[in-house]
Amino acid sequence: MNNKNQNQTENDADIQVTLSLDDGTEVECDILTIFDVGDQDYIVLLPLEEDGGENKEGEVYIYRYFEDEEGNPSLENIESDEEYEIVADRFDELLDEAAYDDM
């Protein structure tokens, strides 16, 4: 992933980003959440279908998340399987907490 563009959509609650992947394709995504594990922030993105609809398969992208001094966001791939497992487990916990709160 090389480039990120953050766009405000018509609904202020939904923030979308366009990911430019290494193979040159672009994917529109909704930001689901930003959370931390230890001292590192992570972002979870839900890729949208080509027609702008939600991804029915529930596939998400998880990246390391950074902001520079001016608040400009950047993303970085998670390189180690161990780090990814820890972050994915924490995201699953957040989903479980959200489901419990909705009950």
PDB file of N, CA and C in Angstrom:
ATOM      1  N   MET A   1       0.844  -1.151   0.000  1.00  0.00           N
ATOM      2  CA  MET A   1       0.000   0.000   0.000  1.00  0.00           C
ATOM      3  C   MET A   1       0.896   1.222   0.000  1.00  0.00           C
ATOM      4  N   ASN A   2       0.673   2.099  -0.958  1.00  0.00           N
ATOM      5  CA  ASN A   2       1.554   3.233  -1.125  1.00  0.00           C
ATOM      6  C   ASN A   2       0.940   4.560  -0.728  1.00  0.00           C
ATOM      7  N   ASN A   3      -0.316   4.803  -1.108  1.00  0.00           N
ATOM      8  CA  ASN A   3      -0.875   6.130  -0.980  1.00  0.00           C
ATOM      9  C   ASN A   3      -2.220   6.067  -0.286  1.00  0.00           C
ATOM     10  N   LYS A   4      -2.524   7.077   0.491  1.00  0.00           N
ATOM     11  CA  LYS A   4      -3.780   7.143   1.179  1.00  0.00           C
ATOM     12  C   LYS A   4      -4.411   8.498   0.905  1.00  0.00           C
ATOM     13  N   ASN A   5      -5.694   8.503   0.601  1.00  0.00           N
ATOM     14  CA  ASN A   5      -6.457   9.731   0.465  1.00  0.00           C
ATOM     15  C   ASN A   5      -7.654   9.614   1.361  1.00  0.00           C
ATOM     16  N   GLN A   6      -7.885  10.610   2.217  1.00  0.00           N
ATOM     17  CA  GLN A   6      -9.004  10.563   3.126  1.00  0.00           C
ATOM     18  C   GLN A   6     -10.078  11.498   2.591  1.00  0.00           C
ATOM     19  N   ASN A   7     -11.295  10.978   2.395  1.00  0.00           N
ATOM     20  CA  ASN A   7     -12.396  11.761   1.853  1.00  0.00           C
ATOM     21  C   ASN A   7     -13.574  11.697   2.793  1.00  0.00           C
ATOM     22  N   GLN A   8     -14.184  12.847   3.070  1.00  0.00           N
ATOM     23  CA  GLN A   8     -15.405  12.892   3.855  1.00  0.00           C
ATOM     24  C   GLN A   8     -16.562  12.555   2.936  1.00  0.00           C
ATOM     25  N   THR A   9     -17.429  11.655   3.336  1.00  0.00           N
ATOM     26  CA  THR A   9     -18.576  11.300   2.522  1.00  0.00           C
ATOM     27  C   THR A   9     -19.751  12.180   2.905  1.00  0.00           C
ATOM     28  N   GLU A  10     -20.891  11.976   2.232  1.00  0.00           N
ATOM     29  CA  GLU A  10     -22.079  12.754   2.532  1.00  0.00           C
ATOM     30  C   GLU A  10     -22.517  12.563   3.976  1.00  0.00           C
ATOM     31  N   ASN A  11     -22.369  11.365   4.514  1.00  0.00           N
ATOM     32  CA  ASN A  11     -22.708  11.093   5.900  1.00  0.00           C
ATOM     33  C   ASN A  11     -21.459  11.332   6.738  1.00  0.00           C
ATOM     34  N   ASP A  12     -21.507  12.346   7.606  1.00  0.00           N
ATOM     35  CA  ASP A  12     -20.322  12.710   8.372  1.00  0.00           C
ATOM     36  C   ASP A  12     -19.802  11.583   9.253  1.00  0.00           C
ATOM     37  N   ALA A  13     -20.647  10.593   9.581  1.00  0.00           N
ATOM     38  CA  ALA A  13     -20.206   9.496  10.438  1.00  0.00           C
ATOM     39  C   ALA A  13     -19.309   8.529   9.673  1.00  0.00           C
ATOM     40  N   ASP A  14     -19.433   8.501   8.352  1.00  0.00           N
ATOM     41  CA  ASP A  14     -18.648   7.572   7.548  1.00  0.00           C
ATOM     42  C   ASP A  14     -17.466   8.295   6.923  1.00  0.00           C
ATOM     43  N   ILE A  15     -16.290   7.847   7.244  1.00  0.00           N
ATOM     44  CA  ILE A  15     -15.092   8.389   6.613  1.00  0.00           C
ATOM     45  C   ILE A  15     -14.528   7.293   5.732  1.00  0.00           C
ATOM     46  N   GLN A  16     -14.255   7.632   4.492  1.00  0.00           N
ATOM     47  CA  GLN A  16     -13.721   6.653   3.557  1.00  0.00           C
ATOM     48  C   GLN A  16     -12.301   7.030   3.177  1.00  0.00           C
ATOM     49  N   VAL A  17     -11.536   6.022   2.847  1.00  0.00           N
ATOM     50  CA  VAL A  17     -10.182   6.208   2.342  1.00  0.00           C
ATOM     51  C   VAL A  17     -10.058   5.424   1.050  1.00  0.00           C
ATOM     52  N   THR A  18      -9.162   5.884   0.198  1.00  0.00           N
ATOM     53  CA  THR A  18      -8.832   5.155  -1.017  1.00  0.00           C
ATOM     54  C   THR A  18      -7.434   4.595  -0.839  1.00  0.00           C
ATOM     55  N   LEU A  19      -7.312   3.280  -0.869  1.00  0.00           N
ATOM     56  CA  LEU A  19      -6.017   2.627  -0.767  1.00  0.00           C
ATOM     57  C   LEU A  19      -5.476   2.388  -2.164  1.00  0.00           C
ATOM     58  N   SER A  20      -4.242   2.788  -2.396  1.00  0.00           N
ATOM     59  CA  SER A  20      -3.548   2.430  -3.628  1.00  0.00           C
ATOM     60  C   SER A  20      -2.632   1.271  -3.287  1.00  0.00           C
ATOM     61  N   LEU A  21      -2.995   0.091  -3.753  1.00  0.00           N
ATOM     62  CA  LEU A  21      -2.256  -1.121  -3.421  1.00  0.00           C
ATOM     63  C   LEU A  21      -0.980  -1.222  -4.244  1.00  0.00           C
ATOM     64  N   ASP A  22      -0.098  -2.107  -3.822  1.00  0.00           N
ATOM     65  CA  ASP A  22       1.198  -2.282  -4.488  1.00  0.00           C
ATOM     66  C   ASP A  22       1.058  -2.654  -5.955  1.00  0.00           C
ATOM     67  N   ASP A  23      -0.037  -3.340  -6.326  1.00  0.00           N
ATOM     68  CA  ASP A  23      -0.224  -3.736  -7.722  1.00  0.00           C
ATOM     69  C   ASP A  23      -0.862  -2.637  -8.571  1.00  0.00           C
ATOM     70  N   GLY A  24      -1.065  -1.444  -7.984  1.00  0.00           N
ATOM     71  CA  GLY A  24      -1.594  -0.312  -8.730  1.00  0.00           C
ATOM     72  C   GLY A  24      -3.105  -0.169  -8.675  1.00  0.00           C
ATOM     73  N   THR A  25      -3.813  -1.156  -8.119  1.00  0.00           N
ATOM     74  CA  THR A  25      -5.260  -1.039  -8.013  1.00  0.00           C
ATOM     75  C   THR A  25      -5.623  -0.143  -6.831  1.00  0.00           C
ATOM     76  N   GLU A  26      -6.801   0.466  -6.928  1.00  0.00           N
ATOM     77  CA  GLU A  26      -7.299   1.297  -5.841  1.00  0.00           C
ATOM     78  C   GLU A  26      -8.551   0.663  -5.265  1.00  0.00           C
ATOM     79  N   VAL A  27      -8.682   0.731  -3.942  1.00  0.00           N
ATOM     80  CA  VAL A  27      -9.817   0.148  -3.242  1.00  0.00           C
ATOM     81  C   VAL A  27     -10.389   1.204  -2.303  1.00  0.00           C
ATOM     82  N   GLU A  28     -11.700   1.468  -2.448  1.00  0.00           N
ATOM     83  CA  GLU A  28     -12.400   2.358  -1.524  1.00  0.00           C
ATOM     84  C   GLU A  28     -12.741   1.570  -0.263  1.00  0.00           C
ATOM     85  N   CYS A  29     -12.510   2.173   0.901  1.00  0.00           N
ATOM     86  CA  CYS A  29     -12.763   1.495   2.172  1.00  0.00           C
ATOM     87  C   CYS A  29     -13.415   2.448   3.168  1.00  0.00           C
ATOM     88  N   ASP A  30     -14.289   1.900   4.018  1.00  0.00           N
ATOM     89  CA  ASP A  30     -14.782   2.614   5.190  1.00  0.00           C
ATOM     90  C   ASP A  30     -13.815   2.359   6.336  1.00  0.00           C
ATOM     91  N   ILE A  31     -13.593   3.366   7.167  1.00  0.00           N
ATOM     92  CA  ILE A  31     -12.809   3.180   8.386  1.00  0.00           C
ATOM     93  C   ILE A  31     -13.747   2.618   9.445  1.00  0.00           C
ATOM     94  N   LEU A  32     -13.450   1.409   9.935  1.00  0.00           N
ATOM     95  CA  LEU A  32     -14.270   0.807  10.979  1.00  0.00           C
ATOM     96  C   LEU A  32     -13.863   1.302  12.358  1.00  0.00           C
ATOM     97  N   THR A  33     -12.564   1.302  12.621  1.00  0.00           N
ATOM     98  CA  THR A  33     -12.079   1.736  13.926  1.00  0.00           C
ATOM     99  C   THR A  33     -10.578   1.981  13.873  1.00  0.00           C
ATOM    100  N   ILE A  34     -10.112   2.749  14.834  1.00  0.00           N
ATOM    101  CA  ILE A  34      -8.686   2.911  15.107  1.00  0.00           C
ATOM    102  C   ILE A  34      -8.518   2.577  16.585  1.00  0.00           C
ATOM    103  N   PHE A  35      -7.592   1.694  16.894  1.00  0.00           N
ATOM    104  CA  PHE A  35      -7.372   1.280  18.276  1.00  0.00           C
ATOM    105  C   PHE A  35      -5.885   1.056  18.489  1.00  0.00           C
ATOM    106  N   ASP A  36      -5.506   0.936  19.763  1.00  0.00           N
ATOM    107  CA  ASP A  36      -4.093   0.712  20.050  1.00  0.00           C
ATOM    108  C   ASP A  36      -3.887  -0.634  20.715  1.00  0.00           C
ATOM    109  N   VAL A  37      -2.706  -1.159  20.479  1.00  0.00           N
ATOM    110  CA  VAL A  37      -2.206  -2.336  21.179  1.00  0.00           C
ATOM    111  C   VAL A  37      -0.813  -1.933  21.629  1.00  0.00           C
ATOM    112  N   GLY A  38      -0.645  -1.841  22.942  1.00  0.00           N
ATOM    113  CA  GLY A  38       0.625  -1.326  23.454  1.00  0.00           C
ATOM    114  C   GLY A  38       0.761   0.135  23.054  1.00  0.00           C
ATOM    115  N   ASP A  39       1.908   0.487  22.495  1.00  0.00           N
ATOM    116  CA  ASP A  39       2.164   1.868  22.085  1.00  0.00           C
ATOM    117  C   ASP A  39       1.897   2.112  20.608  1.00  0.00           C
ATOM    118  N   GLN A  40       1.345   1.121  19.896  1.00  0.00           N
ATOM    119  CA  GLN A  40       1.123   1.245  18.457  1.00  0.00           C
ATOM    120  C   GLN A  40      -0.367   1.363  18.152  1.00  0.00           C
ATOM    121  N   ASP A  41      -0.725   2.301  17.276  1.00  0.00           N
ATOM    122  CA  ASP A  41      -2.102   2.421  16.797  1.00  0.00           C
ATOM    123  C   ASP A  41      -2.285   1.564  15.556  1.00  0.00           C
ATOM    124  N   TYR A  42      -3.511   1.046  15.398  1.00  0.00           N
ATOM    125  CA  TYR A  42      -3.876   0.235  14.242  1.00  0.00           C
ATOM    126  C   TYR A  42      -5.207   0.734  13.705  1.00  0.00           C
ATOM    127  N   ILE A  43      -5.408   0.560  12.405  1.00  0.00           N
ATOM    128  CA  ILE A  43      -6.650   0.967  11.762  1.00  0.00           C
ATOM    129  C   ILE A  43      -7.251  -0.248  11.064  1.00  0.00           C
ATOM    130  N   VAL A  44      -8.580  -0.356  11.126  1.00  0.00           N
ATOM    131  CA  VAL A  44      -9.286  -1.447  10.466  1.00  0.00           C
ATOM    132  C   VAL A  44     -10.161  -0.830   9.377  1.00  0.00           C
ATOM    133  N   LEU A  45      -9.967  -1.306   8.151  1.00  0.00           N
ATOM    134  CA  LEU A  45     -10.685  -0.792   6.993  1.00  0.00           C
ATOM    135  C   LEU A  45     -11.561  -1.878   6.393  1.00  0.00           C
ATOM    136  N   LEU A  46     -12.777  -1.495   5.999  1.00  0.00           N
ATOM    137  CA  LEU A  46     -13.707  -2.403   5.345  1.00  0.00           C
ATOM    138  C   LEU A  46     -13.762  -2.037   3.868  1.00  0.00           C
ATOM    139  N   PRO A  47     -13.213  -2.892   2.984  1.00  0.00           N
ATOM    140  CA  PRO A  47     -13.271  -2.580   1.562  1.00  0.00           C
ATOM    141  C   PRO A  47     -14.717  -2.593   1.068  1.00  0.00           C
ATOM    142  N   LEU A  48     -15.041  -1.640   0.208  1.00  0.00           N
ATOM    143  CA  LEU A  48     -16.384  -1.531  -0.347  1.00  0.00           C
ATOM    144  C   LEU A  48     -16.445  -2.226  -1.700  1.00  0.00           C
ATOM    145  N   GLU A  49     -17.623  -2.667  -2.065  1.00  0.00           N
ATOM    146  CA  GLU A  49     -17.829  -3.249  -3.389  1.00  0.00           C
ATOM    147  C   GLU A  49     -17.653  -2.153  -4.436  1.00  0.00           C
ATOM    148  N   GLU A  50     -17.452  -2.529  -5.678  1.00  0.00           N
ATOM    149  CA  GLU A  50     -17.236  -1.556  -6.744  1.00  0.00           C
ATOM    150  C   GLU A  50     -18.377  -0.577  -6.882  1.00  0.00           C
ATOM    151  N   ASP A  51     -19.606  -0.992  -6.533  1.00  0.00           N
ATOM    152  CA  ASP A  51     -20.754  -0.092  -6.629  1.00  0.00           C
ATOM    153  C   ASP A  51     -20.892   0.787  -5.389  1.00  0.00           C
ATOM    154  N   GLY A  52     -19.921   0.717  -4.475  1.00  0.00           N
ATOM    155  CA  GLY A  52     -19.954   1.518  -3.253  1.00  0.00           C
ATOM    156  C   GLY A  52     -20.678   0.856  -2.105  1.00  0.00           C
ATOM    157  N   GLY A  53     -21.235  -0.345  -2.334  1.00  0.00           N
ATOM    158  CA  GLY A  53     -21.940  -1.061  -1.278  1.00  0.00           C
ATOM    159  C   GLY A  53     -20.978  -1.753  -0.331  1.00  0.00           C
ATOM    160  N   GLU A  54     -21.517  -2.194   0.805  1.00  0.00           N
ATOM    161  CA  GLU A  54     -20.676  -2.852   1.801  1.00  0.00           C
ATOM    162  C   GLU A  54     -20.195  -4.207   1.315  1.00  0.00           C
ATOM    163  N   ASN A  55     -19.051  -4.586   1.797  1.00  0.00           N
ATOM    164  CA  ASN A  55     -18.429  -5.878   1.510  1.00  0.00           C
ATOM    165  C   ASN A  55     -19.225  -6.951   2.259  1.00  0.00           C
ATOM    166  N   LYS A  56     -19.887  -7.813   1.541  1.00  0.00           N
ATOM    167  CA  LYS A  56     -20.745  -8.836   2.159  1.00  0.00           C
ATOM    168  C   LYS A  56     -19.949  -9.961   2.820  1.00  0.00           C
ATOM    169  N   GLU A  57     -18.714 -10.170   2.394  1.00  0.00           N
ATOM    170  CA  GLU A  57     -17.907 -11.258   2.944  1.00  0.00           C
ATOM    171  C   GLU A  57     -17.287 -10.906   4.290  1.00  0.00           C
ATOM    172  N   GLY A  58     -17.316  -9.649   4.680  1.00  0.00           N
ATOM    173  CA  GLY A  58     -16.776  -9.235   5.965  1.00  0.00           C
ATOM    174  C   GLY A  58     -15.271  -9.134   6.001  1.00  0.00           C
ATOM    175  N   GLU A  59     -14.611  -9.173   4.838  1.00  0.00           N
ATOM    176  CA  GLU A  59     -13.159  -9.052   4.786  1.00  0.00           C
ATOM    177  C   GLU A  59     -12.753  -7.650   5.238  1.00  0.00           C
ATOM    178  N   VAL A  60     -11.732  -7.564   6.068  1.00  0.00           N
ATOM    179  CA  VAL A  60     -11.215  -6.270   6.510  1.00  0.00           C
ATOM    180  C   VAL A  60      -9.710  -6.220   6.288  1.00  0.00           C
ATOM    181  N   TYR A  61      -9.189  -5.006   6.205  1.00  0.00           N
ATOM    182  CA  TYR A  61      -7.750  -4.775   6.135  1.00  0.00           C
ATOM    183  C   TYR A  61      -7.328  -4.140   7.449  1.00  0.00           C
ATOM    184  N   ILE A  62      -6.219  -4.630   8.004  1.00  0.00           N
ATOM    185  CA  ILE A  62      -5.685  -4.063   9.245  1.00  0.00           C
ATOM    186  C   ILE A  62      -4.270  -3.582   8.965  1.00  0.00           C
ATOM    187  N   TYR A  63      -3.994  -2.334   9.322  1.00  0.00           N
ATOM    188  CA  TYR A  63      -2.680  -1.726   9.120  1.00  0.00           C
ATOM    189  C   TYR A  63      -2.221  -1.035  10.393  1.00  0.00           C
ATOM    190  N   ARG A  64      -0.919  -0.841  10.492  1.00  0.00           N
ATOM    191  CA  ARG A  64      -0.387   0.077  11.494  1.00  0.00           C
ATOM    192  C   ARG A  64      -0.812   1.479  11.069  1.00  0.00           C
ATOM    193  N   TYR A  65      -1.123   2.326  12.045  1.00  0.00           N
ATOM    194  CA  TYR A  65      -1.620   3.669  11.758  1.00  0.00           C
ATOM    195  C   TYR A  65      -0.734   4.703  12.450  1.00  0.00           C
ATOM    196  N   PHE A  66      -0.368   5.729  11.694  1.00  0.00           N
ATOM    197  CA  PHE A  66       0.470   6.804  12.223  1.00  0.00           C
ATOM    198  C   PHE A  66      -0.113   8.145  11.785  1.00  0.00           C
ATOM    199  N   GLU A  67       0.137   9.174  12.568  1.00  0.00           N
ATOM    200  CA  GLU A  67      -0.141  10.547  12.148  1.00  0.00           C
ATOM    201  C   GLU A  67       1.128  11.350  12.352  1.00  0.00           C
ATOM    202  N   ASP A  68       1.444  12.228  11.369  1.00  0.00           N
ATOM    203  CA  ASP A  68       2.613  13.086  11.526  1.00  0.00           C
ATOM    204  C   ASP A  68       2.258  14.284  12.402  1.00  0.00           C
ATOM    205  N   GLU A  69       3.203  15.198  12.568  1.00  0.00           N
ATOM    206  CA  GLU A  69       3.021  16.346  13.447  1.00  0.00           C
ATOM    207  C   GLU A  69       1.822  17.199  13.033  1.00  0.00           C
ATOM    208  N   GLU A  70       1.479  17.185  11.750  1.00  0.00           N
ATOM    209  CA  GLU A  70       0.364  17.993  11.246  1.00  0.00           C
ATOM    210  C   GLU A  70      -0.946  17.212  11.206  1.00  0.00           C
ATOM    211  N   GLY A  71      -0.944  15.967  11.698  1.00  0.00           N
ATOM    212  CA  GLY A  71      -2.160  15.169  11.727  1.00  0.00           C
ATOM    213  C   GLY A  71      -2.449  14.419  10.444  1.00  0.00           C
ATOM    214  N   ASN A  72      -1.493  14.389   9.517  1.00  0.00           N
ATOM    215  CA  ASN A  72      -1.683  13.650   8.268  1.00  0.00           C
ATOM    216  C   ASN A  72      -1.494  12.164   8.526  1.00  0.00           C
ATOM    217  N   PRO A  73      -2.476  11.334   8.119  1.00  0.00           N
ATOM    218  CA  PRO A  73      -2.386   9.898   8.401  1.00  0.00           C
ATOM    219  C   PRO A  73      -1.479   9.168   7.424  1.00  0.00           C
ATOM    220  N   SER A  74      -0.890   8.082   7.903  1.00  0.00           N
ATOM    221  CA  SER A  74      -0.175   7.153   7.025  1.00  0.00           C
ATOM    222  C   SER A  74      -0.364   5.744   7.581  1.00  0.00           C
ATOM    223  N   LEU A  75      -0.288   4.779   6.680  1.00  0.00           N
ATOM    224  CA  LEU A  75      -0.481   3.383   7.037  1.00  0.00           C
ATOM    225  C   LEU A  75       0.764   2.599   6.701  1.00  0.00           C
ATOM    226  N   GLU A  76       0.958   1.513   7.445  1.00  0.00           N
ATOM    227  CA  GLU A  76       2.107   0.641   7.216  1.00  0.00           C
ATOM    228  C   GLU A  76       1.644  -0.793   7.376  1.00  0.00           C
ATOM    229  N   ASN A  77       2.114  -1.660   6.511  1.00  0.00           N
ATOM    230  CA  ASN A  77       1.773  -3.082   6.607  1.00  0.00           C
ATOM    231  C   ASN A  77       2.285  -3.679   7.911  1.00  0.00           C
ATOM    232  N   ILE A  78       1.551  -4.642   8.440  1.00  0.00           N
ATOM    233  CA  ILE A  78       1.994  -5.433   9.586  1.00  0.00           C
ATOM    234  C   ILE A  78       2.820  -6.569   9.008  1.00  0.00           C
ATOM    235  N   GLU A  79       4.090  -6.619   9.347  1.00  0.00           N
ATOM    236  CA  GLU A  79       5.008  -7.570   8.714  1.00  0.00           C
ATOM    237  C   GLU A  79       5.054  -8.936   9.388  1.00  0.00           C
ATOM    238  N   SER A  80       4.897  -9.001  10.704  1.00  0.00           N
ATOM    239  CA  SER A  80       5.069 -10.297  11.372  1.00  0.00           C
ATOM    240  C   SER A  80       3.723 -10.957  11.647  1.00  0.00           C
ATOM    241  N   ASP A  81       3.701 -12.272  11.492  1.00  0.00           N
ATOM    242  CA  ASP A  81       2.490 -13.042  11.776  1.00  0.00           C
ATOM    243  C   ASP A  81       2.103 -12.912  13.249  1.00  0.00           C
ATOM    244  N   GLU A  82       3.106 -12.877  14.121  1.00  0.00           N
ATOM    245  CA  GLU A  82       2.840 -12.771  15.555  1.00  0.00           C
ATOM    246  C   GLU A  82       2.136 -11.454  15.881  1.00  0.00           C
ATOM    247  N   GLU A  83       2.640 -10.350  15.337  1.00  0.00           N
ATOM    248  CA  GLU A  83       2.011  -9.051  15.571  1.00  0.00           C
ATOM    249  C   GLU A  83       0.591  -9.050  15.012  1.00  0.00           C
ATOM    250  N   TYR A  84       0.412  -9.604  13.802  1.00  0.00           N
ATOM    251  CA  TYR A  84      -0.921  -9.628  13.193  1.00  0.00           C
ATOM    252  C   TYR A  84      -1.903 -10.407  14.069  1.00  0.00           C
ATOM    253  N   GLU A  85      -1.484 -11.550  14.600  1.00  0.00           N
ATOM    254  CA  GLU A  85      -2.363 -12.366  15.442  1.00  0.00           C
ATOM    255  C   GLU A  85      -2.791 -11.602  16.692  1.00  0.00           C
ATOM    256  N   ILE A  86      -1.851 -10.891  17.306  1.00  0.00           N
ATOM    257  CA  ILE A  86      -2.162 -10.113  18.509  1.00  0.00           C
ATOM    258  C   ILE A  86      -3.176  -9.023  18.182  1.00  0.00           C
ATOM    259  N   VAL A  87      -2.958  -8.319  17.076  1.00  0.00           N
ATOM    260  CA  VAL A  87      -3.841  -7.228  16.674  1.00  0.00           C
ATOM    261  C   VAL A  87      -5.212  -7.766  16.258  1.00  0.00           C
ATOM    262  N   ALA A  88      -5.250  -8.864  15.505  1.00  0.00           N
ATOM    263  CA  ALA A  88      -6.515  -9.457  15.080  1.00  0.00           C
ATOM    264  C   ALA A  88      -7.313  -9.945  16.291  1.00  0.00           C
ATOM    265  N   ASP A  89      -6.638 -10.529  17.280  1.00  0.00           N
ATOM    266  CA  ASP A  89      -7.317 -10.969  18.497  1.00  0.00           C
ATOM    267  C   ASP A  89      -7.930  -9.777  19.231  1.00  0.00           C
ATOM    268  N   ARG A  90      -7.192  -8.672  19.302  1.00  0.00           N
ATOM    269  CA  ARG A  90      -7.715  -7.466  19.969  1.00  0.00           C
ATOM    270  C   ARG A  90      -8.919  -6.916  19.205  1.00  0.00           C
ATOM    271  N   PHE A  91      -8.872  -6.920  17.874  1.00  0.00           N
ATOM    272  CA  PHE A  91     -10.009  -6.466  17.080  1.00  0.00           C
ATOM    273  C   PHE A  91     -11.228  -7.354  17.328  1.00  0.00           C
ATOM    274  N   ASP A  92     -11.023  -8.671  17.409  1.00  0.00           N
ATOM    275  CA  ASP A  92     -12.122  -9.586  17.722  1.00  0.00           C
ATOM    276  C   ASP A  92     -12.730  -9.265  19.085  1.00  0.00           C
ATOM    277  N   GLU A  93     -11.884  -8.933  20.072  1.00  0.00           N
ATOM    278  CA  GLU A  93     -12.384  -8.550  21.392  1.00  0.00           C
ATOM    279  C   GLU A  93     -13.242  -7.292  21.299  1.00  0.00           C
ATOM    280  N   LEU A  94     -12.793  -6.318  20.492  1.00  0.00           N
ATOM    281  CA  LEU A  94     -13.566  -5.090  20.322  1.00  0.00           C
ATOM    282  C   LEU A  94     -14.928  -5.378  19.685  1.00  0.00           C
ATOM    283  N   LEU A  95     -14.950  -6.291  18.706  1.00  0.00           N
ATOM    284  CA  LEU A  95     -16.219  -6.678  18.082  1.00  0.00           C
ATOM    285  C   LEU A  95     -17.140  -7.335  19.102  1.00  0.00           C
ATOM    286  N   ASP A  96     -16.579  -8.224  19.931  1.00  0.00           N
ATOM    287  CA  ASP A  96     -17.382  -8.893  20.957  1.00  0.00           C
ATOM    288  C   ASP A  96     -17.942  -7.866  21.951  1.00  0.00           C
ATOM    289  N   GLU A  97     -17.113  -6.892  22.361  1.00  0.00           N
ATOM    290  CA  GLU A  97     -17.576  -5.858  23.291  1.00  0.00           C
ATOM    291  C   GLU A  97     -18.697  -5.035  22.667  1.00  0.00           C
ATOM    292  N   ALA A  98     -18.573  -4.698  21.395  1.00  0.00           N
ATOM    293  CA  ALA A  98     -19.598  -3.919  20.712  1.00  0.00           C
ATOM    294  C   ALA A  98     -20.902  -4.716  20.605  1.00  0.00           C
ATOM    295  N   ALA A  99     -20.798  -6.010  20.314  1.00  0.00           N
ATOM    296  CA  ALA A  99     -21.986  -6.856  20.228  1.00  0.00           C
ATOM    297  C   ALA A  99     -22.658  -6.973  21.596  1.00  0.00           C
ATOM    298  N   TYR A 100     -21.859  -7.082  22.648  1.00  0.00           N
ATOM    299  CA  TYR A 100     -22.416  -7.173  24.003  1.00  0.00           C
ATOM    300  C   TYR A 100     -23.126  -5.877  24.371  1.00  0.00           C
ATOM    301  N   ASP A 101     -22.511  -4.737  24.018  1.00  0.00           N
ATOM    302  CA  ASP A 101     -23.116  -3.437  24.327  1.00  0.00           C
ATOM    303  C   ASP A 101     -24.429  -3.231  23.585  1.00  0.00           C
ATOM    304  N   ASP A 102     -24.565  -3.836  22.399  1.00  0.00           N
ATOM    305  CA  ASP A 102     -25.788  -3.710  21.614  1.00  0.00           C
ATOM    306  C   ASP A 102     -26.934  -4.540  22.172  1.00  0.00           C
ATOM    307  N   MET A 103     -26.630  -5.497  23.052  1.00  0.00           N
ATOM    308  CA  MET A 103     -27.675  -6.374  23.606  1.00  0.00           C
ATOM    309  C   MET A 103     -28.463  -5.676  24.685  1.00  0.00           C
TER     310      MET A 103
END
